[in-house]
N, C-alpha and C. Protein backbone atom coordinates (compact mmCIF):
# COMPACT_ATOMS: atom_id res chain seq x y z
N MET A 1 0.83 -1.19 0.00
CA MET A 1 0.00 0.00 0.00
C MET A 1 0.87 1.25 0.00
N TYR A 2 0.45 2.22 -0.77
CA TYR A 2 1.15 3.49 -0.82
C TYR A 2 0.20 4.60 -0.39
N TYR A 3 0.75 5.54 0.33
CA TYR A 3 -0.03 6.69 0.79
C TYR A 3 0.60 7.96 0.26
N ALA A 4 -0.23 8.95 0.02
CA ALA A 4 0.26 10.24 -0.47
C ALA A 4 -0.71 11.33 -0.03
N ALA A 5 -0.19 12.54 0.05
CA ALA A 5 -1.04 13.69 0.38
C ALA A 5 -1.88 14.03 -0.84
N LYS A 6 -3.11 14.40 -0.57
CA LYS A 6 -4.02 14.83 -1.63
C LYS A 6 -4.58 16.19 -1.26
N LEU A 7 -4.82 17.00 -2.27
CA LEU A 7 -5.28 18.37 -2.07
C LEU A 7 -6.76 18.50 -2.43
N THR A 8 -7.48 19.20 -1.59
CA THR A 8 -8.84 19.63 -1.93
C THR A 8 -8.70 21.07 -2.41
N GLU A 9 -8.68 21.26 -3.72
CA GLU A 9 -8.35 22.56 -4.31
C GLU A 9 -9.26 23.69 -3.84
N GLU A 10 -10.52 23.41 -3.62
CA GLU A 10 -11.45 24.46 -3.20
C GLU A 10 -11.06 25.09 -1.86
N LYS A 11 -10.38 24.31 -1.03
CA LYS A 11 -9.99 24.81 0.30
C LYS A 11 -8.64 25.51 0.30
N CYS A 12 -7.81 25.25 -0.67
CA CYS A 12 -6.45 25.79 -0.72
C CYS A 12 -6.47 27.30 -0.98
N THR A 13 -5.75 28.04 -0.14
CA THR A 13 -5.63 29.49 -0.32
C THR A 13 -4.27 29.90 -0.86
N GLY A 14 -3.40 28.93 -1.10
CA GLY A 14 -2.08 29.23 -1.66
C GLY A 14 -1.11 29.85 -0.67
N CYS A 15 -1.26 29.54 0.61
CA CYS A 15 -0.40 30.16 1.64
C CYS A 15 1.03 29.62 1.62
N LYS A 16 1.25 28.47 1.02
CA LYS A 16 2.57 27.84 0.84
C LYS A 16 3.18 27.28 2.12
N ILE A 17 2.44 27.22 3.20
CA ILE A 17 2.98 26.65 4.44
C ILE A 17 3.33 25.18 4.24
N CYS A 18 2.51 24.48 3.47
CA CYS A 18 2.77 23.06 3.23
C CYS A 18 4.08 22.84 2.49
N ILE A 19 4.40 23.74 1.58
CA ILE A 19 5.65 23.62 0.81
C ILE A 19 6.84 23.68 1.76
N MET A 20 6.79 24.60 2.69
CA MET A 20 7.89 24.78 3.63
C MET A 20 8.01 23.61 4.61
N SER A 21 6.91 22.91 4.86
CA SER A 21 6.93 21.82 5.84
C SER A 21 7.38 20.49 5.23
N CYS A 22 7.31 20.36 3.92
CA CYS A 22 7.62 19.09 3.27
C CYS A 22 9.12 18.80 3.31
N PRO A 23 9.49 17.61 3.82
CA PRO A 23 10.92 17.27 3.90
C PRO A 23 11.54 16.89 2.55
N ASP A 24 10.71 16.63 1.56
CA ASP A 24 11.22 16.25 0.25
C ASP A 24 11.04 17.38 -0.75
N PRO A 25 12.14 17.87 -1.31
CA PRO A 25 12.03 18.98 -2.26
C PRO A 25 11.27 18.55 -3.52
N ASN A 26 10.54 19.48 -4.07
CA ASN A 26 9.82 19.30 -5.34
C ASN A 26 8.61 18.38 -5.27
N VAL A 27 8.14 18.03 -4.08
CA VAL A 27 6.92 17.23 -3.97
C VAL A 27 5.70 18.15 -4.04
N ILE A 28 5.79 19.30 -3.38
CA ILE A 28 4.70 20.27 -3.40
C ILE A 28 5.20 21.53 -4.08
N ALA A 29 4.46 21.99 -5.06
CA ALA A 29 4.84 23.17 -5.82
C ALA A 29 3.69 24.16 -5.87
N PHE A 30 4.03 25.43 -5.96
CA PHE A 30 3.02 26.48 -6.10
C PHE A 30 2.79 26.72 -7.59
N VAL A 31 1.52 26.73 -7.99
CA VAL A 31 1.16 26.96 -9.39
C VAL A 31 0.65 28.39 -9.50
N CYS A 32 1.40 29.23 -10.18
CA CYS A 32 1.05 30.65 -10.29
C CYS A 32 -0.30 30.87 -10.96
N ALA A 33 -0.62 30.10 -11.98
CA ALA A 33 -1.87 30.29 -12.72
C ALA A 33 -3.10 30.10 -11.84
N SER A 34 -3.06 29.09 -10.99
CA SER A 34 -4.22 28.80 -10.14
C SER A 34 -4.10 29.42 -8.75
N LYS A 35 -2.88 29.87 -8.40
CA LYS A 35 -2.59 30.40 -7.07
C LYS A 35 -2.89 29.38 -5.98
N LYS A 36 -2.58 28.13 -6.30
CA LYS A 36 -2.77 27.02 -5.37
C LYS A 36 -1.56 26.10 -5.48
N VAL A 37 -1.46 25.16 -4.56
CA VAL A 37 -0.35 24.21 -4.63
C VAL A 37 -0.77 22.97 -5.40
N LYS A 38 0.24 22.23 -5.85
CA LYS A 38 0.02 20.97 -6.54
C LYS A 38 0.96 19.95 -5.90
N ILE A 39 0.47 18.75 -5.69
CA ILE A 39 1.26 17.70 -5.06
C ILE A 39 1.61 16.64 -6.08
N ASP A 40 2.89 16.29 -6.13
CA ASP A 40 3.34 15.19 -6.98
C ASP A 40 3.14 13.92 -6.17
N GLU A 41 2.01 13.28 -6.35
CA GLU A 41 1.66 12.11 -5.55
C GLU A 41 2.62 10.94 -5.76
N GLY A 42 3.28 10.90 -6.89
CA GLY A 42 4.26 9.85 -7.16
C GLY A 42 5.51 9.98 -6.31
N ARG A 43 5.84 11.17 -5.89
CA ARG A 43 7.03 11.42 -5.06
C ARG A 43 6.71 11.51 -3.58
N CYS A 44 5.46 11.80 -3.25
CA CYS A 44 5.06 11.98 -1.86
C CYS A 44 5.18 10.67 -1.09
N LYS A 45 5.75 10.74 0.11
CA LYS A 45 5.93 9.55 0.95
C LYS A 45 4.81 9.39 1.97
N GLY A 46 3.86 10.31 1.99
CA GLY A 46 2.72 10.19 2.88
C GLY A 46 3.02 10.44 4.34
N CYS A 47 4.02 11.25 4.63
CA CYS A 47 4.41 11.49 6.03
C CYS A 47 3.37 12.31 6.81
N GLY A 48 2.60 13.13 6.11
CA GLY A 48 1.54 13.90 6.75
C GLY A 48 1.95 15.22 7.36
N LEU A 49 3.20 15.63 7.21
CA LEU A 49 3.63 16.91 7.78
C LEU A 49 2.85 18.07 7.18
N CYS A 50 2.62 18.03 5.90
CA CYS A 50 1.87 19.10 5.24
C CYS A 50 0.43 19.16 5.77
N VAL A 51 -0.15 18.01 6.02
CA VAL A 51 -1.52 17.93 6.54
C VAL A 51 -1.59 18.60 7.90
N SER A 52 -0.58 18.37 8.72
CA SER A 52 -0.60 18.89 10.09
C SER A 52 -0.43 20.41 10.16
N VAL A 53 0.13 21.03 9.12
CA VAL A 53 0.34 22.49 9.16
C VAL A 53 -0.66 23.29 8.34
N CYS A 54 -1.47 22.64 7.53
CA CYS A 54 -2.40 23.37 6.66
C CYS A 54 -3.50 24.04 7.49
N PRO A 55 -3.57 25.37 7.44
CA PRO A 55 -4.56 26.08 8.25
C PRO A 55 -5.99 25.96 7.72
N LYS A 56 -6.16 25.48 6.51
CA LYS A 56 -7.49 25.37 5.89
C LYS A 56 -7.97 23.93 5.73
N ASP A 57 -7.23 22.98 6.28
CA ASP A 57 -7.57 21.55 6.15
C ASP A 57 -7.79 21.16 4.69
N ALA A 58 -6.92 21.67 3.83
CA ALA A 58 -7.04 21.39 2.40
C ALA A 58 -6.29 20.13 1.99
N LEU A 59 -5.56 19.54 2.91
CA LEU A 59 -4.76 18.36 2.60
C LEU A 59 -5.15 17.20 3.49
N ASN A 60 -5.01 16.00 2.93
CA ASN A 60 -5.15 14.78 3.73
C ASN A 60 -4.27 13.72 3.11
N VAL A 61 -3.96 12.71 3.89
CA VAL A 61 -3.17 11.60 3.39
C VAL A 61 -4.10 10.43 3.16
N SER A 62 -4.03 9.88 1.96
CA SER A 62 -4.90 8.75 1.66
C SER A 62 -4.15 7.73 0.83
N GLN A 63 -4.71 6.55 0.75
CA GLN A 63 -4.12 5.45 0.01
C GLN A 63 -4.27 5.69 -1.49
N LEU A 64 -3.21 5.39 -2.21
CA LEU A 64 -3.27 5.51 -3.68
C LEU A 64 -3.78 4.23 -4.28
């Protein structure tokens, strides 16, 4: 089983706190066009650090 962070785009405000909390570079990126973050689920290890810091509960860890 593999787990990864998933984003609920409607809740994301683009604060970028999750990007700073992620221990793996380039897993979470800010997309200028949408002003939201995007998660590379293939690289995400499912640690949940981003979930724990998101002030809008826009992230969760789930099974792929």
